[in-house]
Protein backbone atom coordinates (compact mmCIF):
# COMPACT_ATOMS: atom_id res chain seq x y z
CA MET A 1 -28.51 69.24 -6.14
CA PRO A 2 -31.05 68.33 -3.42
CA LEU A 3 -30.82 70.26 -0.18
CA GLU A 4 -29.67 68.39 2.92
CA PRO A 5 -32.58 68.00 5.37
CA PRO A 6 -32.45 70.34 8.39
CA TYR A 7 -31.66 67.41 10.72
CA PRO A 8 -29.73 64.96 8.53
CA ALA A 9 -29.83 61.32 9.65
CA LEU A 10 -26.20 60.30 10.13
CA PRO A 11 -24.96 56.75 9.56
CA LEU A 12 -24.30 54.78 12.74
CA ASP A 13 -21.20 53.00 11.46
CA ALA A 14 -18.76 55.69 12.70
CA PRO A 15 -20.35 58.38 14.95
CA TRP A 16 -16.88 59.23 16.31
CA GLU A 17 -16.24 60.81 12.89
CA ARG A 18 -19.66 62.33 12.29
CA PRO A 19 -20.95 64.04 14.36
CA GLY A 20 -17.56 63.51 16.06
CA ILE A 21 -16.73 62.83 19.70
CA GLY A 22 -14.24 64.68 21.89
CA THR A 23 -11.32 66.41 20.19
CA ALA A 24 -12.24 64.60 16.96
CA ALA A 25 -15.40 66.72 16.67
CA PRO A 26 -15.19 69.49 14.05
CA ASP A 27 -14.14 72.95 15.16
CA GLY A 28 -16.72 75.68 15.13
CA PRO A 29 -20.41 75.70 16.02
CA PRO A 30 -21.97 72.27 15.50
CA GLY A 31 -24.87 71.88 13.10
CA PRO A 32 -28.07 69.87 13.67
CA TRP A 33 -28.11 66.11 13.18
CA HIS A 34 -30.11 62.97 13.92
CA LEU A 35 -29.01 59.44 14.92
CA PRO A 36 -31.89 56.98 14.25
CA TRP A 37 -31.09 54.20 16.73
CA ASP A 38 -34.73 53.08 16.65
CA ARG A 39 -34.44 52.03 12.99
CA LEU A 40 -31.83 49.35 13.69
CA THR A 41 -32.57 45.69 14.29
CA PRO A 42 -31.35 44.35 17.66
CA ALA A 43 -28.34 42.75 15.96
CA GLU A 44 -27.47 45.96 14.10
CA ALA A 45 -27.83 48.06 17.28
CA SER A 46 -25.60 45.65 19.24
CA ALA A 47 -22.90 45.80 16.57
CA ALA A 48 -23.07 49.61 16.43
CA ARG A 49 -22.75 49.86 20.23
CA GLU A 50 -19.73 47.56 20.19
CA ARG A 51 -18.03 49.74 17.58
CA LEU A 52 -18.82 52.84 19.63
CA THR A 53 -17.56 51.44 22.94
CA GLY A 54 -14.48 49.79 21.45
CA ARG A 55 -12.58 53.05 21.08
CA ALA A 56 -10.96 55.67 23.32
CA TYR A 57 -11.94 59.36 23.16
CA GLU A 58 -9.87 62.38 24.13
CA PHE A 59 -11.47 65.49 25.61
CA GLN A 60 -10.12 68.94 26.31
CA ALA A 61 -11.59 71.30 28.85
CA SER A 62 -10.42 74.25 30.96
CA ASP A 63 -9.45 74.09 34.60
CA ALA A 64 -12.26 75.74 36.59
CA ALA A 65 -9.88 77.85 38.67
CA THR A 66 -6.98 78.69 36.33
CA GLY A 67 -8.39 78.33 32.84
CA ASP A 68 -5.46 76.08 31.92
CA PRO A 69 -6.27 73.36 29.37
CA VAL A 70 -7.09 69.91 30.75
CA ARG A 71 -6.75 66.83 28.52
CA ARG A 72 -8.31 63.55 29.58
CA THR A 73 -9.22 60.28 27.86
CA PHE A 74 -12.31 58.15 28.37
CA THR A 75 -12.63 54.68 26.94
CA GLY A 76 -15.91 53.94 25.24
CA ASP A 77 -16.68 51.46 28.03
CA ARG A 78 -16.48 54.24 30.61
CA LEU A 79 -18.69 56.57 28.59
CA ARG A 80 -21.16 53.73 28.14
CA ALA A 81 -21.15 53.11 31.92
CA ASP A 82 -21.79 56.83 32.47
CA ALA A 83 -24.73 56.69 30.04
CA GLU A 84 -26.11 53.58 31.75
CA GLN A 85 -26.19 55.47 35.06
CA THR A 86 -28.16 58.25 33.40
CA ALA A 87 -30.50 55.77 31.69
CA ARG A 88 -31.47 54.38 35.10
CA LEU A 89 -32.40 57.90 36.25
CA LEU A 90 -34.55 58.40 33.16
CA ALA A 91 -36.26 55.02 33.24
CA PRO A 92 -39.21 56.01 35.52
CA TYR A 93 -40.22 58.71 33.00
CA ALA A 94 -40.14 56.39 29.95
CA PRO A 95 -38.90 58.81 27.27
CA GLN A 96 -39.48 57.76 23.67
CA ALA A 97 -36.85 60.03 22.12
CA ILE A 98 -33.94 62.27 23.10
CA VAL A 99 -33.26 65.87 22.08
CA GLY A 100 -29.69 66.90 22.84
CA PHE A 101 -28.23 70.37 23.25
CA ALA A 102 -24.87 69.32 24.78
CA PRO A 103 -22.31 68.89 21.97
CA PRO A 104 -20.32 65.63 22.03
CA ARG A 105 -17.07 67.56 21.87
CA HIS A 106 -17.37 67.60 25.66
CA ALA A 107 -17.55 64.61 28.00
CA TYR A 108 -21.08 65.40 29.22
CA GLY A 109 -22.33 65.75 25.65
CA ALA A 110 -20.56 62.57 24.53
CA ALA A 111 -22.08 60.52 27.36
CA ALA A 112 -25.59 62.00 27.23
CA THR A 113 -26.08 63.03 23.60
CA VAL A 114 -24.31 60.08 21.89
CA PHE A 115 -23.88 57.17 24.32
CA LEU A 116 -27.23 57.56 26.13
CA PRO A 117 -29.21 57.03 22.90
CA ALA A 118 -26.94 54.09 22.10
CA VAL A 119 -27.63 52.27 25.38
CA THR A 120 -31.37 53.03 25.36
CA GLY A 121 -31.96 52.50 21.63
CA LEU A 122 -33.82 55.82 21.46
CA PRO A 123 -33.54 58.16 18.48
CA VAL A 124 -31.71 61.41 19.17
CA TRP A 125 -31.85 64.82 17.54
CA PHE A 126 -29.06 67.30 18.22
CA TRP A 127 -30.55 70.81 18.32
CA PRO A 128 -27.89 73.58 18.37
CA GLY A 129 -30.56 76.03 19.54
CA ASP A 130 -30.03 78.64 16.80
CA CYS A 131 -32.26 76.88 14.26
CA PRO A 132 -35.86 75.62 14.25
CA PRO A 133 -36.54 72.67 16.57
CA PRO A 134 -36.61 69.14 15.19
CA ALA A 135 -39.82 67.36 14.25
CA VAL A 136 -39.81 64.61 16.88
CA PRO A 137 -42.52 61.92 16.41
CA ALA A 138 -42.82 61.13 20.13
CA ARG A 139 -45.01 62.17 23.03
CA ARG A 140 -42.43 61.75 25.80
CA ILE A 141 -38.92 63.11 25.39
CA ALA A 142 -35.73 63.55 27.39
CA VAL A 143 -33.82 66.78 26.81
CA VAL A 144 -30.04 66.78 27.32
CA ALA A 145 -29.85 70.40 28.45
CA ILE A 146 -27.24 73.08 28.97
CA PRO A 147 -28.18 76.65 29.99
CA ALA A 148 -28.72 77.73 26.37
CA ALA A 149 -31.26 74.92 25.96
CA PHE A 150 -33.78 76.64 28.22
CA ARG A 151 -33.53 79.85 26.21
CA ALA A 152 -34.17 77.87 23.00
CA LEU A 153 -37.14 76.08 24.58
CA ALA A 154 -38.57 79.40 25.76
CA ARG A 155 -38.45 80.69 22.17
CA HIS A 156 -40.53 77.74 20.96
CA PRO A 157 -43.43 77.31 23.44
CA ARG A 158 -45.68 75.59 20.87
CA TRP A 159 -43.01 72.94 20.29
CA THR A 160 -42.62 72.19 24.01
CA ALA A 161 -46.40 72.19 24.46
CA SER A 162 -46.72 69.37 21.93
CA PHE A 163 -45.26 66.80 24.36
CA GLU A 164 -47.02 65.10 27.25
CA GLN A 165 -43.77 64.54 29.19
CA LEU A 166 -40.51 66.54 29.26
CA THR A 167 -37.64 65.09 31.28
CA LEU A 168 -35.01 67.82 31.48
CA LEU A 169 -31.52 66.46 32.10
CA HIS A 170 -29.21 69.32 33.03
CA GLY A 171 -25.47 69.32 33.63
CA GLY A 172 -22.64 71.78 33.80
CA ALA A 173 -23.77 75.13 35.18
CA GLU A 174 -26.34 77.13 37.13
CA LEU A 175 -29.89 76.98 35.82
CA PRO A 176 -30.79 80.14 33.85
CA PRO A 177 -33.94 82.15 34.69
CA GLU A 178 -35.73 80.64 31.67
CA ALA A 179 -35.63 77.24 33.37
CA ARG A 180 -37.99 78.40 36.12
CA ARG A 181 -40.93 78.56 33.70
CA PHE A 182 -40.92 74.76 33.70
CA ALA A 183 -40.96 74.44 37.50
CA ALA A 184 -44.75 74.76 37.67
CA ASP A 185 -45.36 72.62 34.59
CA PRO A 186 -46.66 69.20 35.68
CA ARG A 187 -45.31 67.67 32.45
CA ALA A 188 -41.71 68.68 33.24
CA VAL A 189 -39.23 66.87 35.48
CA LEU A 190 -35.73 68.21 36.18
CA ILE A 191 -32.80 65.84 36.76
CA GLU A 192 -29.47 67.57 37.45
CA LEU A 193 -26.11 65.88 36.99
CA LEU A 194 -22.88 66.96 38.64
CA GLY A 195 -19.56 65.97 37.12
CA SER A 196 -16.41 67.05 35.30
CA THR A 197 -14.13 66.11 32.43
CA GLU A 198 -11.92 64.31 34.93
CA THR A 199 -14.68 62.23 36.54
CA GLY A 200 -17.69 61.97 34.26
CA SER A 201 -21.01 62.21 36.09
CA VAL A 202 -20.70 61.67 39.85
CA ALA A 203 -24.00 62.78 41.46
CA HIS A 204 -27.60 63.65 40.73
CA ARG A 205 -30.70 65.26 42.18
CA THR A 206 -34.30 65.56 41.00
CA GLY A 207 -36.57 68.56 41.47
CA TRP A 208 -36.40 72.33 41.41
CA ASP A 209 -35.03 73.12 44.90
CA PRO A 210 -31.70 74.96 44.29
CA ALA A 211 -30.60 74.11 47.85
CA GLY A 212 -31.63 70.45 47.71
CA PRO A 213 -29.19 67.62 48.51
CA TRP A 214 -27.28 65.62 45.91
CA THR A 215 -26.85 61.83 45.81
CA LEU A 216 -23.76 60.05 44.54
CA LEU A 217 -24.31 57.79 41.56
CA ASP A 218 -24.27 54.05 42.29
CA ASP A 219 -20.66 53.43 41.23
CA VAL A 220 -19.17 56.54 42.92
CA ALA A 221 -17.93 56.81 46.52
CA PHE A 222 -16.64 59.61 48.74
CA ALA A 223 -12.93 59.92 49.35
CA ALA A 224 -13.42 63.26 51.17
CA PRO A 225 -14.68 65.14 53.11
CA ARG A 226 -15.75 63.10 56.10
CA THR A 227 -19.40 62.98 57.16
CA GLY A 228 -20.51 66.30 58.69
CA ALA A 229 -17.51 68.21 57.33
CA GLU A 230 -17.14 70.75 54.54
CA GLY A 231 -14.52 70.62 51.82
CA PRO A 232 -13.79 69.86 48.17
CA LEU A 233 -15.78 66.91 46.84
CA THR A 234 -13.27 64.11 46.30
CA VAL A 235 -14.53 60.94 44.66
CA THR A 236 -13.41 57.47 43.70
CA GLY A 237 -14.95 55.13 41.16
CA PRO A 238 -14.35 53.04 38.04
CA ARG A 239 -15.17 55.78 35.52
CA LEU A 240 -12.40 58.32 36.20
CA SER A 241 -10.74 59.43 32.97
CA ALA A 242 -7.10 58.79 32.10
CA LEU A 243 -4.31 61.37 32.29
CA PRO A 244 -2.39 62.27 29.12
CA ASP A 245 0.33 59.73 30.03
CA GLY A 246 -2.28 56.95 30.14
CA SER A 247 -2.29 56.53 33.92
CA ARG A 248 -5.60 56.44 35.79
CA PRO A 249 -5.90 58.18 39.17
CA ASP A 250 -7.79 56.32 41.87
CA ARG A 251 -9.49 59.52 43.09
CA HIS A 252 -10.13 63.08 41.97
CA GLU A 253 -10.63 66.28 43.96
CA MET A 254 -13.30 68.34 42.22
CA ASP A 255 -13.78 72.11 42.24
CA ASP A 256 -17.10 71.73 44.06
CA VAL A 257 -17.19 72.52 47.78
CA VAL A 258 -19.72 70.39 49.66
CA ARG A 259 -21.03 69.57 53.11
CA ARG A 260 -21.22 65.79 53.42
CA LEU A 261 -24.47 64.56 54.99
CA GLY A 262 -23.89 60.81 55.04
CA ASP A 263 -22.65 57.85 53.01
CA ARG A 264 -24.26 59.05 49.76
CA LEU A 265 -25.71 62.53 50.34
CA PHE A 266 -24.19 66.01 50.31
CA LEU A 267 -25.09 69.67 49.96
CA ARG A 268 -23.25 71.58 47.27
CA LEU A 269 -22.00 74.94 48.57
CA GLY A 270 -20.53 76.16 45.26
CA ARG A 271 -17.40 75.93 43.17
CA ARG A 272 -14.12 76.89 44.80
CA ALA A 273 -13.44 79.34 41.98
CA GLN A 274 -16.84 80.95 42.69
CA LEU A 275 -16.78 81.17 46.50
CA VAL A 276 -15.71 84.45 48.10
CA ARG A 277 -15.57 85.64 51.69
CA VAL A 278 -16.69 89.26 52.11
CA ASN A 279 -16.84 90.82 55.58
CA GLY A 280 -16.54 87.36 57.10
CA VAL A 281 -19.48 85.93 55.14
CA ARG A 282 -19.07 83.32 52.40
CA TYR A 283 -20.95 83.91 49.14
CA ASP A 284 -21.44 81.73 46.06
CA LEU A 285 -20.84 83.93 43.03
CA GLY A 286 -22.67 81.45 40.81
CA ALA A 287 -25.79 81.84 42.93
CA ILE A 288 -25.45 85.65 42.94
CA ALA A 289 -25.16 85.68 39.14
CA ALA A 290 -28.22 83.42 38.80
CA ARG A 291 -30.33 85.66 41.07
CA LEU A 292 -29.20 88.80 39.23
CA ARG A 293 -30.11 87.23 35.87
CA ALA A 294 -33.59 86.64 37.27
CA ALA A 295 -33.77 90.25 38.52
CA LEU A 296 -32.47 91.78 35.25
CA PRO A 297 -34.63 90.25 32.47
CA GLY A 298 -32.74 89.70 29.25
CA ALA A 299 -29.32 90.33 30.82
CA ASP A 300 -26.40 87.94 30.92
CA VAL A 301 -24.45 88.15 34.18
CA ALA A 302 -21.13 86.77 35.38
CA CYS A 303 -19.25 87.29 38.65
CA VAL A 304 -15.45 87.20 38.60
CA ARG A 305 -13.52 86.64 41.84
CA VAL A 306 -10.64 89.09 42.40
CA PRO A 307 -8.21 89.70 45.28
CA GLY A 308 -9.73 91.62 48.15
CA PRO A 309 -8.50 94.94 49.50
CA ALA A 310 -5.65 95.07 51.97
CA GLY A 311 -6.97 94.30 55.41
CA PRO A 312 -8.22 91.16 57.16
CA PRO A 313 -6.72 87.92 55.82
CA HIS A 314 -8.81 85.70 53.52
CA GLU A 315 -11.04 88.61 52.50
CA GLU A 316 -11.91 88.66 48.79
CA ALA A 317 -13.98 90.66 46.32
CA TYR A 318 -15.63 90.20 42.98
CA ASP A 319 -16.29 92.11 39.77
CA LEU A 320 -19.68 91.99 38.10
CA LEU A 321 -20.04 91.74 34.31
CA VAL A 322 -23.44 92.47 32.72
CA ALA A 323 -24.35 92.21 29.03
CA GLY A 324 -27.70 93.19 27.50
CA GLY A 325 -30.90 93.54 29.47
CA GLY A 326 -31.98 96.92 28.14
CA PRO A 327 -30.99 100.33 29.49
CA LEU A 328 -28.96 99.57 32.61
CA THR A 329 -26.55 101.68 34.63
CA ALA A 330 -23.60 100.51 36.66
CA ASP A 331 -25.08 102.20 39.76
CA GLY A 332 -28.41 100.44 39.27
CA VAL A 333 -26.76 97.06 38.84
CA ARG A 334 -24.58 97.70 41.90
CA ALA A 335 -27.68 98.48 43.96
CA ALA A 336 -29.32 95.23 42.82
CA ALA A 337 -26.21 93.28 43.79
CA ARG A 338 -25.98 95.08 47.13
CA GLY A 339 -29.50 93.90 47.87
CA LEU A 340 -28.24 90.30 47.62
CA GLY A 341 -25.74 90.96 50.40
CA ALA A 342 -22.34 91.28 48.74
CA GLU A 343 -21.49 94.49 46.88
CA PRO A 344 -19.14 94.07 43.90
CA ARG A 345 -15.82 95.85 43.69
CA LEU A 346 -16.51 96.89 40.10
CA VAL A 347 -19.50 96.74 37.74
CA ARG A 348 -18.71 96.47 34.03
CA LEU A 349 -21.40 96.80 31.34
CA VAL A 350 -20.08 94.84 28.35
CA ASP A 351 -21.30 93.87 24.88
CA ARG A 352 -21.13 90.14 25.60
CA ILE A 353 -19.78 87.65 28.13
CA PRO A 354 -17.68 84.91 26.51
CA ARG A 355 -18.98 81.48 27.48
CA GLY A 356 -17.98 77.94 26.65
CA PRO A 357 -20.31 75.52 24.83
CA LEU A 358 -21.75 74.26 28.14
CA GLY A 359 -22.60 77.75 29.36
CA LYS A 360 -19.76 78.41 31.79
CA PRO A 361 -18.09 81.85 31.59
CA LEU A 362 -14.65 81.58 30.05
CA PRO A 363 -11.88 82.57 32.50
CA ALA A 364 -10.46 86.00 31.79
CA GLN A 365 -8.23 88.46 33.53
CA PRO A 366 -10.44 91.00 35.35
CA ALA A 367 -9.98 94.63 34.44
CA PRO A 368 -8.42 96.88 37.09
CA PRO A 369 -10.82 99.15 38.95
CA ASP A 370 -11.40 102.60 37.52
């Protein structure tokens, strides 16, 4: 029996079945695959897009604050509209192919790894990251990235060096330390997307400045906060997903806390579940974790918000989880965190930190202090 090629070309007659989209995607780690949109005639591509957009897709995620399951439904038309917004961001860089790391079981992966190739007509290779990279016959590529993507790219420098243009599309979580190696590479462009299972993509920014402003996508508008104010990012737009009962909200309050700068611009201050106030100062635990990962090479780091000690109201604390990174001690890690301004309540050295497919730490009950 002949062996299946490492990146099998899947038929384009029913991609909702294979590779699978949303909750219809197979359980377990996804394998590599290839969708050859560039091999279709214009008529064949149009028919395949119509089949893809003529369905509804259900997605399940976890609430950022509670970990409770969230079920939402996107029509194919809404996912296509999301992909068209992304295609306009990519157009100035003229990619000739797409390499996806975001699995289509999740809304970001469905829009960017499946629907984006469909609307652009570009071939796509899905690279799980734990196998050799695909042989992509193109000089300019777009990479649909999640945090694990940058670790895979760092393991294959000769592969990345073979391209004259790398457009890195990133959504979902903080950039890992491995991403910084591309910041000085003139071939590499970073486009970040902000969104959720409830909203799809809502905003973007280009460049490597972690404090840079975000811009709402063309079909998204602010519902809150008002200009000059801080608060949860609340958006309206035609791409909001449907609730389990089929109803469609006209707005959604996201977990991201922002300072609104104008009609379209805002600064992202962090996720509500990741913001803590210690000694009267607000800290973004996501940013602390990212800086500690850079300071502890090879380590995975997560910060978990916990109730603060009895005392002033609204005071909070956090526990620090560290996996890998060589011979580390809790005292040494605590000292590194103290140097960033906010000392953790507890440091736990663990074997691994459970993370979802898009790189976000899975919610868990923090251990009590020793």
